[in-house]
Amino acid sequence: MGVKPIRLMGAHEIRIRLGGVSRQRAYQITSRADFPKPVADLAQGKVWLTEDVEAWMKVHRRDLDDSED
């Protein structure tokens, strides 16, 4: 059994996955208490585990779509 690679996502990738939201909107979303905690805070910004972000989006995507109207 091979080692599973760690996939990371920065704010830019999160913006794209959320459908191209603004930087401000991405910041609001990633600052929510229920959003996964970043795994690191680099000079370029925070990074999250891709699987954490995608799992969160599966649960909350409808909520986000509703609030964008």
N, C-alpha and C. Protein backbone atom coordinates (compact mmCIF):
# COMPACT_ATOMS: atom_id res chain seq x y z
N MET A 1 0.85 -1.19 0.00
CA MET A 1 0.00 0.00 0.00
C MET A 1 0.89 1.25 0.00
N GLY A 2 0.68 2.15 -0.94
CA GLY A 2 1.50 3.35 -1.04
C GLY A 2 1.06 4.44 -0.08
N VAL A 3 1.93 5.40 0.10
CA VAL A 3 1.62 6.54 0.96
C VAL A 3 0.75 7.52 0.18
N LYS A 4 -0.34 7.96 0.80
CA LYS A 4 -1.24 8.89 0.15
C LYS A 4 -0.61 10.29 0.17
N PRO A 5 -0.48 10.94 -1.00
CA PRO A 5 0.12 12.28 -1.00
C PRO A 5 -0.79 13.28 -0.29
N ILE A 6 -0.15 14.25 0.35
CA ILE A 6 -0.91 15.32 1.00
C ILE A 6 -1.21 16.38 -0.06
N ARG A 7 -2.49 16.67 -0.22
CA ARG A 7 -2.90 17.70 -1.18
C ARG A 7 -3.30 18.94 -0.41
N LEU A 8 -2.72 20.06 -0.79
CA LEU A 8 -2.98 21.32 -0.11
C LEU A 8 -3.68 22.30 -1.04
N MET A 9 -4.35 23.25 -0.44
CA MET A 9 -5.11 24.25 -1.17
C MET A 9 -4.89 25.61 -0.50
N GLY A 10 -4.56 26.59 -1.30
CA GLY A 10 -4.43 27.95 -0.78
C GLY A 10 -5.70 28.74 -1.05
N ALA A 11 -5.70 29.98 -0.64
CA ALA A 11 -6.89 30.82 -0.80
C ALA A 11 -7.30 30.95 -2.27
N HIS A 12 -6.33 31.04 -3.17
CA HIS A 12 -6.66 31.18 -4.59
C HIS A 12 -7.42 29.95 -5.10
N GLU A 13 -6.93 28.76 -4.74
CA GLU A 13 -7.61 27.53 -5.16
C GLU A 13 -9.01 27.44 -4.55
N ILE A 14 -9.13 27.88 -3.31
CA ILE A 14 -10.45 27.87 -2.66
C ILE A 14 -11.40 28.81 -3.39
N ARG A 15 -10.92 29.99 -3.78
CA ARG A 15 -11.76 30.93 -4.54
C ARG A 15 -12.26 30.28 -5.82
N ILE A 16 -11.38 29.57 -6.53
CA ILE A 16 -11.75 28.90 -7.78
C ILE A 16 -12.79 27.82 -7.51
N ARG A 17 -12.55 26.98 -6.48
CA ARG A 17 -13.48 25.89 -6.15
C ARG A 17 -14.85 26.41 -5.73
N LEU A 18 -14.88 27.61 -5.18
CA LEU A 18 -16.16 28.22 -4.77
C LEU A 18 -16.83 28.95 -5.93
N GLY A 19 -16.30 28.78 -7.13
CA GLY A 19 -16.93 29.37 -8.31
C GLY A 19 -16.42 30.75 -8.65
N GLY A 20 -15.21 31.07 -8.24
CA GLY A 20 -14.62 32.36 -8.59
C GLY A 20 -15.10 33.51 -7.72
N VAL A 21 -15.31 33.24 -6.44
CA VAL A 21 -15.76 34.31 -5.54
C VAL A 21 -14.65 35.34 -5.36
N SER A 22 -15.01 36.51 -4.86
CA SER A 22 -14.04 37.56 -4.62
C SER A 22 -13.09 37.19 -3.48
N ARG A 23 -11.97 37.88 -3.39
CA ARG A 23 -11.04 37.67 -2.27
C ARG A 23 -11.73 37.92 -0.94
N GLN A 24 -12.53 38.98 -0.89
CA GLN A 24 -13.23 39.32 0.35
C GLN A 24 -14.19 38.21 0.76
N ARG A 25 -14.92 37.66 -0.22
CA ARG A 25 -15.87 36.59 0.07
C ARG A 25 -15.13 35.32 0.52
N ALA A 26 -14.02 35.01 -0.15
CA ALA A 26 -13.23 33.84 0.24
C ALA A 26 -12.71 34.01 1.67
N TYR A 27 -12.29 35.22 2.01
CA TYR A 27 -11.81 35.48 3.38
C TYR A 27 -12.93 35.29 4.39
N GLN A 28 -14.13 35.80 4.06
CA GLN A 28 -15.28 35.63 4.96
C GLN A 28 -15.55 34.14 5.18
N ILE A 29 -15.53 33.37 4.11
CA ILE A 29 -15.84 31.94 4.20
C ILE A 29 -14.77 31.20 5.00
N THR A 30 -13.48 31.46 4.68
CA THR A 30 -12.40 30.73 5.37
C THR A 30 -12.24 31.18 6.82
N SER A 31 -12.84 32.31 7.18
CA SER A 31 -12.79 32.79 8.56
C SER A 31 -13.94 32.27 9.41
N ARG A 32 -14.91 31.60 8.78
CA ARG A 32 -16.06 31.07 9.53
C ARG A 32 -15.58 30.08 10.59
N ALA A 33 -16.27 30.04 11.71
CA ALA A 33 -15.91 29.13 12.80
C ALA A 33 -16.00 27.66 12.37
N ASP A 34 -16.91 27.36 11.43
CA ASP A 34 -17.09 25.96 11.02
C ASP A 34 -16.22 25.56 9.83
N PHE A 35 -15.42 26.50 9.29
CA PHE A 35 -14.52 26.17 8.18
C PHE A 35 -13.30 25.45 8.75
N PRO A 36 -12.75 24.47 8.01
CA PRO A 36 -11.57 23.76 8.52
C PRO A 36 -10.44 24.73 8.86
N LYS A 37 -9.67 24.39 9.88
CA LYS A 37 -8.52 25.21 10.27
C LYS A 37 -7.40 24.98 9.26
N PRO A 38 -6.66 26.04 8.93
CA PRO A 38 -5.52 25.84 8.02
C PRO A 38 -4.47 24.93 8.68
N VAL A 39 -3.74 24.17 7.86
CA VAL A 39 -2.70 23.30 8.40
C VAL A 39 -1.38 24.04 8.52
N ALA A 40 -1.25 25.18 7.84
CA ALA A 40 -0.03 26.00 7.94
C ALA A 40 -0.35 27.42 7.53
N ASP A 41 0.45 28.34 8.05
CA ASP A 41 0.34 29.76 7.67
C ASP A 41 1.70 30.16 7.12
N LEU A 42 1.80 30.17 5.80
CA LEU A 42 3.06 30.46 5.12
C LEU A 42 3.17 31.94 4.79
N ALA A 43 4.33 32.35 4.32
CA ALA A 43 4.52 33.74 3.91
C ALA A 43 3.50 34.12 2.83
N GLN A 44 3.16 33.16 1.95
CA GLN A 44 2.20 33.40 0.87
C GLN A 44 0.76 33.34 1.35
N GLY A 45 0.54 32.91 2.56
CA GLY A 45 -0.81 32.82 3.09
C GLY A 45 -1.07 31.46 3.72
N LYS A 46 -2.30 31.27 4.14
CA LYS A 46 -2.69 30.03 4.80
C LYS A 46 -2.92 28.93 3.76
N VAL A 47 -2.71 27.68 4.21
CA VAL A 47 -3.00 26.53 3.36
C VAL A 47 -3.83 25.53 4.15
N TRP A 48 -4.72 24.88 3.43
CA TRP A 48 -5.65 23.91 4.00
C TRP A 48 -5.44 22.57 3.32
N LEU A 49 -5.84 21.50 4.01
CA LEU A 49 -5.87 20.19 3.38
C LEU A 49 -7.03 20.18 2.38
N THR A 50 -6.76 19.80 1.15
CA THR A 50 -7.78 19.78 0.10
C THR A 50 -8.98 18.93 0.53
N GLU A 51 -8.71 17.76 1.14
CA GLU A 51 -9.83 16.87 1.51
C GLU A 51 -10.71 17.52 2.58
N ASP A 52 -10.13 18.31 3.49
CA ASP A 52 -10.93 19.01 4.51
C ASP A 52 -11.84 20.04 3.85
N VAL A 53 -11.26 20.81 2.93
CA VAL A 53 -12.03 21.87 2.26
C VAL A 53 -13.14 21.26 1.41
N GLU A 54 -12.83 20.20 0.67
CA GLU A 54 -13.84 19.58 -0.19
C GLU A 54 -14.96 18.94 0.63
N ALA A 55 -14.61 18.34 1.77
CA ALA A 55 -15.64 17.77 2.64
C ALA A 55 -16.54 18.87 3.18
N TRP A 56 -15.95 20.00 3.56
CA TRP A 56 -16.72 21.13 4.08
C TRP A 56 -17.66 21.66 2.99
N MET A 57 -17.15 21.77 1.76
CA MET A 57 -17.96 22.30 0.66
C MET A 57 -19.16 21.40 0.36
N LYS A 58 -18.99 20.08 0.47
CA LYS A 58 -20.10 19.16 0.22
C LYS A 58 -21.26 19.45 1.17
N VAL A 59 -20.94 19.79 2.40
CA VAL A 59 -21.97 20.05 3.41
C VAL A 59 -22.54 21.46 3.28
N HIS A 60 -21.69 22.44 2.99
CA HIS A 60 -22.09 23.85 3.08
C HIS A 60 -22.33 24.54 1.75
N ARG A 61 -22.05 23.90 0.65
CA ARG A 61 -22.15 24.56 -0.66
C ARG A 61 -23.52 25.17 -0.91
N ARG A 62 -24.59 24.45 -0.54
CA ARG A 62 -25.94 24.98 -0.76
C ARG A 62 -26.15 26.26 0.04
N ASP A 63 -25.68 26.25 1.27
CA ASP A 63 -25.79 27.45 2.13
C ASP A 63 -25.11 28.63 1.45
N LEU A 64 -23.90 28.39 0.92
CA LEU A 64 -23.15 29.47 0.29
C LEU A 64 -23.88 29.98 -0.95
N ASP A 65 -24.40 29.06 -1.75
CA ASP A 65 -25.12 29.46 -2.95
C ASP A 65 -26.34 30.34 -2.58
N ASP A 66 -27.04 29.95 -1.52
CA ASP A 66 -28.21 30.72 -1.09
C ASP A 66 -27.83 32.14 -0.67
N SER A 67 -26.70 32.28 0.03
CA SER A 67 -26.32 33.60 0.55
C SER A 67 -25.77 34.51 -0.54
N GLU A 68 -25.45 33.95 -1.69
CA GLU A 68 -24.91 34.77 -2.79
C GLU A 68 -25.99 35.48 -3.60
N ASP A 69 -27.24 35.08 -3.45
CA ASP A 69 -28.33 35.66 -4.26
C ASP A 69 -28.61 37.11 -3.92
